[in-house]
Amino acid sequence: MSQPSQIRLSEVKEWLRKETAPQIEPLKGKATSLLKEVKERVDDTVQSSQRIFENSENEMNKDNPKTHRFARNAHKFAQNLTETMKAINVPDNFDYERLLAFCGDLEKTATSLDKLRWGAYPYISPYFIIDRRRLDVSLKRLYDITKELRNFLTTKYASEKTVEDAYSLVDKLTQTIDEAKLNREGISQTEERETAFQNEIVAIKQKITDVQAKAELNELVKLNQKIEEIGESVKHSLRYLQKPFYKLQSLARSSDVAVPPDELHKLDDYLKNPSIALATEEDDYSTLKSILGKLDTTITQGKLKLKSTRLRKAQDQIDSILNKDSLGQLQKSCRELLSQRRQLLASETVATFQNQLTQLQNQLRELQKENEFVSSKRKALKDTQIKLQERTEHLRKELEKKIAQLTNKKVQVGLSA
């Protein structure tokens, strides 16, 4: 079995033109000849129509009552026919698609002419018999050449369409290869940007670690952890009062229970951040106790309903806070930790480090966002590259099939420059 010939993509058109010239050139000559004949038939039909136009005009000028109406009808018919014929534009330069479109337009025109003729003849007869016969012959010749052109296009000239399809595949393949090249360049650029961003992110993270390692900030971090832990302890100590607090708040806002504005504001603080609310209370957290007293009364009066299990646990916590000072030590710890944090934050050194840390963290977030965007773009470009590669291979195979169909030769199209 012979090995397929290798042909570079840039040389395919010229090679194919030479290979198919013996087959295609005679067909192009025949197409040119047919178009020339179409033009002659069109001109002949226009002349026949013009003769009816002139003869009917002469008859109208005689002002013969017997023939005037028929002459007027013939005059109008010839005028419409001539306008329709002159709209036919026979192409000088053509390819298969243009010829096919022209043939379709010519067939539509032929149908229109036929309708025009049979619609007008009953109103012209029995006059202008010789002119009408001459026109009929011209139209018959035009119809015949139209049919011959159609038959030629659908049989013999189809191989020219295959050549043009092959040329089109060459153009599409070239364009796809160019797109793939640009896409690869885009991938390379995004990979470089992504690497640069990742290096910057590593550098910023190291700077953040260095700043956080400073003794003062390290102390602040540990203090914040303790504050968070004590906050969880306060939440735990008030865990069964969360839902009753929300219900009491709702009843107060609907005026079903009287709660002073300052206590209502404090109640909102306990719901949002109980550790801060407790730390900012008086030593005996009197506001909380007053709120709990109203809560207990509201429960006793049946205005605030809870499930039995929740009710028992809530009442136990109310009793523990009101009568056993269960929050005293927590309040003291919260105040001490918050006071220590205020003192640290007031330090100029800590403030400077804190400001640096904030700036570095902001830079890190922006870099991470940009890196995610570039990474997403790189992935999209790689997906596009896969599709372009698949399209390139598909077009190459289609082109090789067309070449084999036209030349009966096995050819491999080389895509490299």
Protein backbone atom coordinates (compact mmCIF):
# COMPACT_ATOMS: atom_id res chain seq x y z
CA MET A 1 0.00 0.00 0.00
CA SER A 2 1.45 3.37 -1.03
CA GLN A 3 2.15 5.92 1.65
CA PRO A 4 -0.01 9.11 1.63
CA SER A 5 1.64 12.17 0.11
CA GLN A 6 2.54 15.00 2.48
CA ILE A 7 1.32 18.47 1.50
CA ARG A 8 1.66 21.60 3.61
CA LEU A 9 -1.56 23.45 4.28
CA SER A 10 -0.21 26.62 2.66
CA GLU A 11 0.33 24.69 -0.59
CA VAL A 12 -2.97 22.79 -0.73
CA LYS A 13 -4.95 25.30 -2.82
CA GLU A 14 -2.34 25.59 -5.57
CA TRP A 15 -1.71 21.83 -5.63
CA LEU A 16 -5.43 21.13 -5.78
CA ARG A 17 -5.95 23.68 -8.54
CA LYS A 18 -3.34 21.94 -10.72
CA GLU A 19 -4.66 18.48 -9.92
CA THR A 20 -8.27 19.33 -10.77
CA ALA A 21 -7.62 21.71 -13.67
CA PRO A 22 -8.25 19.08 -16.40
CA GLN A 23 -11.59 18.28 -14.79
CA ILE A 24 -12.69 21.69 -13.57
CA GLU A 25 -11.57 24.11 -16.30
CA PRO A 26 -13.86 22.58 -18.98
CA LEU A 27 -16.75 22.81 -16.51
CA LYS A 28 -16.02 26.48 -15.85
CA GLY A 29 -15.92 27.02 -19.61
CA LYS A 30 -19.29 25.30 -19.96
CA ALA A 31 -20.74 27.42 -17.12
CA THR A 32 -19.46 30.58 -18.84
CA SER A 33 -21.01 29.43 -22.11
CA LEU A 34 -24.36 28.73 -20.44
CA LEU A 35 -24.39 32.15 -18.78
CA LYS A 36 -23.61 33.77 -22.13
CA GLU A 37 -26.53 31.91 -23.67
CA VAL A 38 -28.80 32.94 -20.76
CA LYS A 39 -27.88 36.56 -21.40
CA GLU A 40 -28.68 36.17 -25.11
CA ARG A 41 -32.05 34.58 -24.32
CA VAL A 42 -32.83 37.37 -21.86
CA ASP A 43 -31.92 40.02 -24.46
CA ASP A 44 -34.02 38.22 -27.07
CA THR A 45 -37.00 38.14 -24.71
CA VAL A 46 -36.57 41.85 -23.96
CA GLN A 47 -36.54 42.60 -27.69
CA SER A 48 -39.72 40.55 -28.21
CA SER A 49 -41.35 42.39 -25.32
CA GLN A 50 -40.17 45.72 -26.73
CA ARG A 51 -41.77 44.91 -30.07
CA ILE A 52 -45.15 44.33 -28.37
CA PHE A 53 -44.62 47.58 -26.48
CA GLU A 54 -43.96 49.59 -29.66
CA ASN A 55 -46.67 47.97 -31.77
CA SER A 56 -49.29 48.37 -29.04
CA GLU A 57 -48.29 52.01 -28.59
CA ASN A 58 -48.71 52.62 -32.35
CA GLU A 59 -52.11 50.95 -32.23
CA MET A 60 -53.16 53.10 -29.26
CA ASN A 61 -52.16 56.21 -31.19
CA LYS A 62 -54.60 55.25 -33.95
CA ASP A 63 -57.36 55.74 -31.39
CA ASN A 64 -59.41 52.89 -32.85
CA PRO A 65 -62.25 52.17 -30.39
CA LYS A 66 -62.28 48.52 -31.49
CA THR A 67 -58.61 47.83 -30.68
CA HIS A 68 -57.72 50.55 -28.17
CA ARG A 69 -58.49 48.54 -25.02
CA PHE A 70 -56.59 45.48 -26.27
CA ALA A 71 -53.64 47.64 -27.30
CA ARG A 72 -53.59 49.31 -23.89
CA ASN A 73 -53.54 45.90 -22.17
CA ALA A 74 -50.72 44.73 -24.44
CA HIS A 75 -48.79 47.95 -23.77
CA LYS A 76 -49.05 47.49 -20.00
CA PHE A 77 -48.13 43.80 -20.25
CA ALA A 78 -45.04 44.55 -22.35
CA GLN A 79 -43.96 47.28 -19.95
CA ASN A 80 -44.24 44.93 -16.90
CA LEU A 81 -42.50 42.15 -18.81
CA THR A 82 -39.58 44.39 -19.83
CA GLU A 83 -39.11 45.66 -16.26
CA THR A 84 -39.05 42.07 -14.96
CA MET A 85 -36.54 40.98 -17.60
CA LYS A 86 -34.22 43.92 -17.03
CA ALA A 87 -34.04 42.98 -13.34
CA ILE A 88 -32.22 39.78 -14.31
CA ASN A 89 -28.52 40.34 -13.60
CA VAL A 90 -26.33 37.68 -15.24
CA PRO A 91 -23.09 37.41 -13.20
CA ASP A 92 -19.74 37.93 -14.91
CA ASN A 93 -17.72 36.40 -12.03
CA PHE A 94 -19.13 33.37 -10.32
CA ASP A 95 -18.58 30.42 -8.06
CA TYR A 96 -20.86 27.45 -7.41
CA GLU A 97 -22.95 29.15 -4.70
CA ARG A 98 -23.40 32.31 -6.78
CA LEU A 99 -24.41 30.26 -9.82
CA LEU A 100 -26.84 28.25 -7.72
CA ALA A 101 -28.41 31.42 -6.30
CA PHE A 102 -28.64 32.96 -9.80
CA CYS A 103 -30.30 29.81 -11.15
CA GLY A 104 -32.84 29.91 -8.33
CA ASP A 105 -33.61 33.58 -9.03
CA LEU A 106 -33.93 32.81 -12.76
CA GLU A 107 -36.40 30.01 -12.04
CA LYS A 108 -38.50 32.32 -9.86
CA THR A 109 -38.43 34.94 -12.62
CA ALA A 110 -39.51 32.32 -15.18
CA THR A 111 -42.48 31.41 -12.98
CA SER A 112 -43.40 35.09 -12.65
CA LEU A 113 -43.14 35.59 -16.41
CA ASP A 114 -45.38 32.62 -17.03
CA LYS A 115 -48.03 33.96 -14.65
CA LEU A 116 -47.72 37.42 -16.19
CA ARG A 117 -48.13 36.06 -19.70
CA TRP A 118 -51.14 33.85 -19.00
CA GLY A 119 -52.74 36.57 -16.92
CA ALA A 120 -52.45 39.11 -19.76
CA TYR A 121 -53.05 37.06 -22.93
CA PRO A 122 -56.86 36.71 -22.52
CA TYR A 123 -57.11 40.53 -22.48
CA ILE A 124 -54.89 40.96 -25.54
CA SER A 125 -56.27 38.25 -27.82
CA PRO A 126 -57.01 38.03 -30.66
CA TYR A 127 -54.62 40.87 -31.53
CA PHE A 128 -50.80 40.98 -31.75
CA ILE A 129 -50.73 37.30 -32.66
CA ILE A 130 -47.34 37.36 -34.43
CA ASP A 131 -45.74 39.41 -31.64
CA ARG A 132 -47.08 37.04 -29.02
CA ARG A 133 -45.81 33.99 -30.89
CA ARG A 134 -42.39 35.53 -31.17
CA LEU A 135 -42.45 36.27 -27.41
CA ASP A 136 -43.57 32.71 -26.65
CA VAL A 137 -40.63 31.33 -28.60
CA SER A 138 -38.22 33.66 -26.73
CA LEU A 139 -39.65 32.67 -23.36
CA LYS A 140 -39.55 28.96 -24.28
CA ARG A 141 -35.85 29.30 -25.11
CA LEU A 142 -35.25 31.12 -21.82
CA TYR A 143 -37.06 28.38 -19.88
CA ASP A 144 -35.07 25.68 -21.69
CA ILE A 145 -31.70 27.27 -20.94
CA THR A 146 -32.77 27.72 -17.31
CA LYS A 147 -33.52 24.00 -17.06
CA GLU A 148 -30.23 23.17 -18.74
CA LEU A 149 -28.35 25.37 -16.27
CA ARG A 150 -30.10 23.69 -13.34
CA ASN A 151 -29.30 20.21 -14.69
CA PHE A 152 -25.67 21.22 -15.25
CA LEU A 153 -25.33 22.56 -11.70
CA THR A 154 -26.85 19.50 -10.04
CA THR A 155 -24.86 16.93 -12.03
CA LYS A 156 -21.60 17.81 -13.77
CA TYR A 157 -20.78 21.07 -11.99
CA ALA A 158 -21.14 19.49 -8.53
CA SER A 159 -17.42 18.60 -8.60
CA GLU A 160 -16.66 22.36 -8.77
CA LYS A 161 -18.61 22.73 -5.52
CA THR A 162 -16.42 20.02 -3.99
CA VAL A 163 -13.31 22.01 -5.00
CA GLU A 164 -14.78 25.19 -3.54
CA ASP A 165 -15.68 23.30 -0.35
CA ALA A 166 -12.07 22.11 -0.14
CA TYR A 167 -10.83 25.71 -0.55
CA SER A 168 -13.28 26.79 2.17
CA LEU A 169 -11.94 24.05 4.46
CA VAL A 170 -8.40 25.32 3.86
CA ASP A 171 -9.50 28.82 4.90
CA LYS A 172 -11.35 27.55 7.98
CA LEU A 173 -8.42 25.34 8.97
CA THR A 174 -5.98 28.23 8.57
CA GLN A 175 -8.21 30.49 10.66
CA THR A 176 -8.60 27.82 13.38
CA ILE A 177 -4.83 27.30 13.53
CA ASP A 178 -4.32 31.06 13.89
CA GLU A 179 -6.93 31.17 16.66
CA ALA A 180 -5.21 28.28 18.43
CA LYS A 181 -1.85 30.08 18.19
CA LEU A 182 -3.32 33.26 19.72
CA ASN A 183 -5.04 31.17 22.38
CA ARG A 184 -1.75 29.45 23.30
CA GLU A 185 -0.14 32.86 23.66
CA GLY A 186 -3.02 33.85 25.96
CA ILE A 187 -2.49 30.71 28.06
CA SER A 188 1.23 31.46 28.34
CA GLN A 189 0.53 35.06 29.43
CA THR A 190 -2.04 34.02 32.06
CA GLU A 191 0.31 31.35 33.42
CA GLU A 192 3.05 33.96 33.80
CA ARG A 193 0.62 36.33 35.57
CA GLU A 194 -0.64 33.52 37.79
CA THR A 195 2.93 32.61 38.79
CA ALA A 196 3.70 36.26 39.53
CA PHE A 197 0.57 36.57 41.71
CA GLN A 198 1.38 33.36 43.57
CA ASN A 199 4.91 34.60 44.30
CA GLU A 200 3.49 37.89 45.58
CA ILE A 201 0.96 36.03 47.75
CA VAL A 202 3.73 33.92 49.31
CA ALA A 203 5.76 37.08 49.99
CA ILE A 204 2.77 38.91 51.57
CA LYS A 205 1.92 35.89 53.74
CA GLN A 206 5.49 35.81 54.99
CA LYS A 207 5.30 39.51 55.85
CA ILE A 208 2.04 38.90 57.73
CA THR A 209 3.68 36.05 59.65
CA ASP A 210 6.63 38.28 60.50
CA VAL A 211 4.37 41.07 61.78
CA GLN A 212 2.22 38.65 63.77
CA ALA A 213 5.37 37.23 65.36
CA LYS A 214 6.06 40.56 67.03
CA ALA A 215 5.75 40.13 70.80
CA GLU A 216 3.16 42.87 71.23
CA LEU A 217 0.90 41.52 68.48
CA ASN A 218 1.40 37.97 69.62
CA GLU A 219 0.19 39.04 73.04
CA LEU A 220 -2.83 40.74 71.41
CA VAL A 221 -3.64 37.59 69.44
CA LYS A 222 -3.52 35.48 72.63
CA LEU A 223 -5.66 38.05 74.44
CA ASN A 224 -8.24 37.99 71.64
CA GLN A 225 -8.36 34.21 71.88
CA LYS A 226 -9.04 34.45 75.63
CA ILE A 227 -11.76 37.07 75.03
CA GLU A 228 -13.33 34.73 72.46
CA GLU A 229 -13.20 31.84 74.91
CA ILE A 230 -14.74 33.86 77.74
CA GLY A 231 -17.39 35.04 75.31
CA GLU A 232 -18.32 31.42 74.59
CA SER A 233 -18.56 30.82 78.34
CA VAL A 234 -20.98 33.75 78.74
CA LYS A 235 -23.08 32.45 75.83
CA HIS A 236 -23.13 29.02 77.46
CA SER A 237 -24.28 30.51 80.76
CA LEU A 238 -27.16 32.26 78.95
CA ARG A 239 -27.88 29.52 76.39
CA TYR A 240 -31.38 28.70 77.70
CA LEU A 241 -32.35 32.37 77.80
CA GLN A 242 -31.77 33.16 74.12
CA LYS A 243 -35.25 32.22 72.92
CA PRO A 244 -37.02 33.76 75.94
CA PHE A 245 -35.03 37.00 75.33
CA TYR A 246 -36.24 37.13 71.71
CA LYS A 247 -39.81 36.54 72.79
CA LEU A 248 -39.59 39.19 75.53
CA GLN A 249 -38.13 41.64 73.01
CA SER A 250 -41.05 40.97 70.66
CA LEU A 251 -43.62 41.40 73.43
CA ALA A 252 -42.00 44.67 74.51
CA ARG A 253 -42.06 46.07 70.97
CA SER A 254 -45.74 45.17 70.63
CA SER A 255 -46.44 46.84 74.02
CA ASP A 256 -47.69 43.58 75.56
CA VAL A 257 -44.98 43.86 78.24
CA ALA A 258 -43.57 47.11 79.65
CA VAL A 259 -39.77 47.26 79.36
CA PRO A 260 -37.92 50.61 79.75
CA PRO A 261 -35.95 51.77 76.67
CA ASP A 262 -32.56 51.42 78.40
CA GLU A 263 -33.32 47.83 79.36
CA LEU A 264 -34.67 47.07 75.89
CA HIS A 265 -31.43 48.43 74.42
CA LYS A 266 -29.39 46.29 76.85
CA LEU A 267 -31.49 43.25 75.98
CA ASP A 268 -30.54 43.78 72.34
CA ASP A 269 -26.85 43.91 73.40
CA TYR A 270 -27.17 40.61 75.25
CA LEU A 271 -28.62 39.01 72.13
CA LYS A 272 -25.88 40.35 69.85
CA ASN A 273 -22.76 40.15 72.06
CA PRO A 274 -23.47 38.90 75.57
CA SER A 275 -19.85 39.12 76.83
CA ILE A 276 -19.57 42.84 75.95
CA ALA A 277 -23.02 43.48 77.39
CA LEU A 278 -22.06 41.78 80.66
CA ALA A 279 -18.69 43.56 80.88
CA THR A 280 -20.32 47.00 80.51
CA GLU A 281 -22.89 46.33 83.26
CA GLU A 282 -22.66 47.54 86.87
CA ASP A 283 -20.84 45.23 89.28
CA ASP A 284 -24.03 43.40 90.18
CA TYR A 285 -25.28 43.45 86.54
CA SER A 286 -28.46 45.10 87.83
CA THR A 287 -29.90 45.78 84.36
CA LEU A 288 -29.71 42.11 83.43
CA LYS A 289 -31.30 41.18 86.74
CA SER A 290 -34.12 43.67 86.14
CA ILE A 291 -34.67 42.19 82.66
CA LEU A 292 -34.69 38.66 84.12
CA GLY A 293 -37.19 39.75 86.77
CA LYS A 294 -39.58 40.99 84.08
CA LEU A 295 -38.94 37.80 82.08
CA ASP A 296 -39.80 35.63 85.10
CA THR A 297 -42.99 37.65 85.75
CA THR A 298 -44.01 37.41 82.10
CA ILE A 299 -43.54 33.63 82.18
CA THR A 300 -45.52 33.34 85.44
CA GLN A 301 -48.36 35.43 83.95
CA GLY A 302 -48.48 33.09 80.93
CA LYS A 303 -47.68 35.84 78.42
CA LEU A 304 -44.48 34.11 77.35
CA LYS A 305 -44.94 30.44 76.59
CA LEU A 306 -42.18 27.83 76.30
CA LYS A 307 -42.06 24.06 76.08
CA SER A 308 -41.85 22.42 79.52
CA THR A 309 -38.22 21.29 79.11
CA ARG A 310 -37.07 24.69 77.85
CA LEU A 311 -39.11 26.44 80.52
CA ARG A 312 -37.51 24.46 83.34
CA LYS A 313 -33.98 25.09 82.04
CA ALA A 314 -34.67 28.80 81.51
CA GLN A 315 -36.07 29.16 85.04
CA ASP A 316 -33.02 27.37 86.46
CA GLN A 317 -30.69 29.84 84.72
CA ILE A 318 -32.82 32.80 85.86
CA ASP A 319 -32.64 31.56 89.45
CA SER A 320 -28.89 30.93 89.19
CA ILE A 321 -28.22 34.49 87.97
CA LEU A 322 -30.66 36.28 90.29
CA ASN A 323 -29.93 34.35 93.48
CA LYS A 324 -26.54 32.66 93.11
CA ASP A 325 -24.45 35.32 91.35
CA SER A 326 -23.49 32.77 88.68
CA LEU A 327 -22.16 35.48 86.32
CA GLY A 328 -20.03 37.37 88.85
CA GLN A 329 -16.70 35.73 88.04
CA LEU A 330 -17.39 35.77 84.30
CA GLN A 331 -18.17 39.49 84.45
CA LYS A 332 -14.92 40.15 86.30
CA SER A 333 -12.89 38.09 83.78
CA CYS A 334 -14.54 39.85 80.81
CA ARG A 335 -13.75 43.28 82.24
CA GLU A 336 -10.13 42.40 82.94
CA LEU A 337 -9.52 40.96 79.46
CA LEU A 338 -11.24 43.86 77.68
CA SER A 339 -9.27 46.34 79.80
CA GLN A 340 -5.99 44.61 78.89
CA ARG A 341 -6.92 44.72 75.22
CA ARG A 342 -7.74 48.45 75.40
CA GLN A 343 -4.36 49.11 76.99
CA LEU A 344 -2.57 47.11 74.28
CA LEU A 345 -4.47 48.82 71.48
CA ALA A 346 -3.60 52.19 72.99
CA SER A 347 0.09 51.34 72.62
CA GLU A 348 1.70 53.20 69.70
CA THR A 349 3.79 50.16 68.82
CA VAL A 350 0.79 47.86 68.65
CA ALA A 351 -1.17 50.45 66.68
CA THR A 352 1.67 50.64 64.13
CA PHE A 353 1.90 46.85 63.85
CA GLN A 354 -1.88 46.57 63.67
CA ASN A 355 -2.02 49.11 60.85
CA GLN A 356 0.72 47.23 58.97
CA LEU A 357 -1.12 43.97 59.48
CA THR A 358 -4.40 45.42 58.20
CA GLN A 359 -2.72 46.80 55.09
CA LEU A 360 -0.97 43.51 54.41
CA GLN A 361 -4.19 41.53 54.86
CA ASN A 362 -6.01 43.88 52.47
CA GLN A 363 -3.20 43.45 49.91
CA LEU A 364 -3.42 39.68 50.35
CA ARG A 365 -7.18 39.65 49.72
CA GLU A 366 -6.79 41.73 46.53
CA LEU A 367 -3.98 39.53 45.26
CA GLN A 368 -6.00 36.38 45.95
CA LYS A 369 -8.97 37.82 44.05
CA GLU A 370 -6.81 38.71 41.06
CA ASN A 371 -5.11 35.33 41.19
CA GLU A 372 -8.50 33.55 41.21
CA PHE A 373 -9.62 35.62 38.20
CA VAL A 374 -6.43 34.84 36.24
CA SER A 375 -6.64 31.17 37.22
CA SER A 376 -10.24 31.02 36.02
CA LYS A 377 -9.26 32.70 32.75
CA ARG A 378 -6.39 30.23 32.26
CA LYS A 379 -8.75 27.27 32.73
CA ALA A 380 -11.23 28.77 30.24
CA LEU A 381 -8.44 29.32 27.71
CA LYS A 382 -7.25 25.72 28.12
CA ASP A 383 -10.80 24.46 27.55
CA THR A 384 -10.95 26.61 24.41
CA GLN A 385 -7.58 25.20 23.29
CA ILE A 386 -8.91 21.65 23.55
CA LYS A 387 -11.93 22.60 21.42
CA LEU A 388 -9.71 24.34 18.85
CA GLN A 389 -7.46 21.29 18.66
CA GLU A 390 -10.48 19.04 18.14
CA ARG A 391 -11.82 21.40 15.46
CA THR A 392 -8.42 21.52 13.74
CA GLU A 393 -8.23 17.74 13.58
CA HIS A 394 -11.83 17.48 12.34
CA LEU A 395 -11.25 20.06 9.58
CA ARG A 396 -7.97 18.40 8.56
CA LYS A 397 -9.68 15.02 8.15
CA GLU A 398 -12.56 16.60 6.20
CA LEU A 399 -10.08 18.33 3.90
CA GLU A 400 -8.18 15.10 3.27
CA LYS A 401 -11.49 13.37 2.42
CA LYS A 402 -12.38 16.12 -0.08
CA ILE A 403 -8.93 15.86 -1.70
CA ALA A 404 -9.28 12.09 -2.00
CA GLN A 405 -12.77 12.51 -3.47
CA LEU A 406 -11.46 14.94 -6.11
CA THR A 407 -8.12 13.37 -7.00
CA ASN A 408 -8.38 9.71 -5.90
CA LYS A 409 -5.11 10.29 -4.03
CA LYS A 410 -4.36 9.75 -0.35
CA VAL A 411 -2.91 12.92 1.08
CA GLN A 412 -1.84 13.99 4.56
CA VAL A 413 -2.14 17.72 5.16
CA GLY A 414 0.78 19.09 7.18
CA LEU A 415 -0.22 21.82 9.62
CA SER A 416 3.25 23.08 10.52
CA ALA A 417 4.59 26.20 8.80
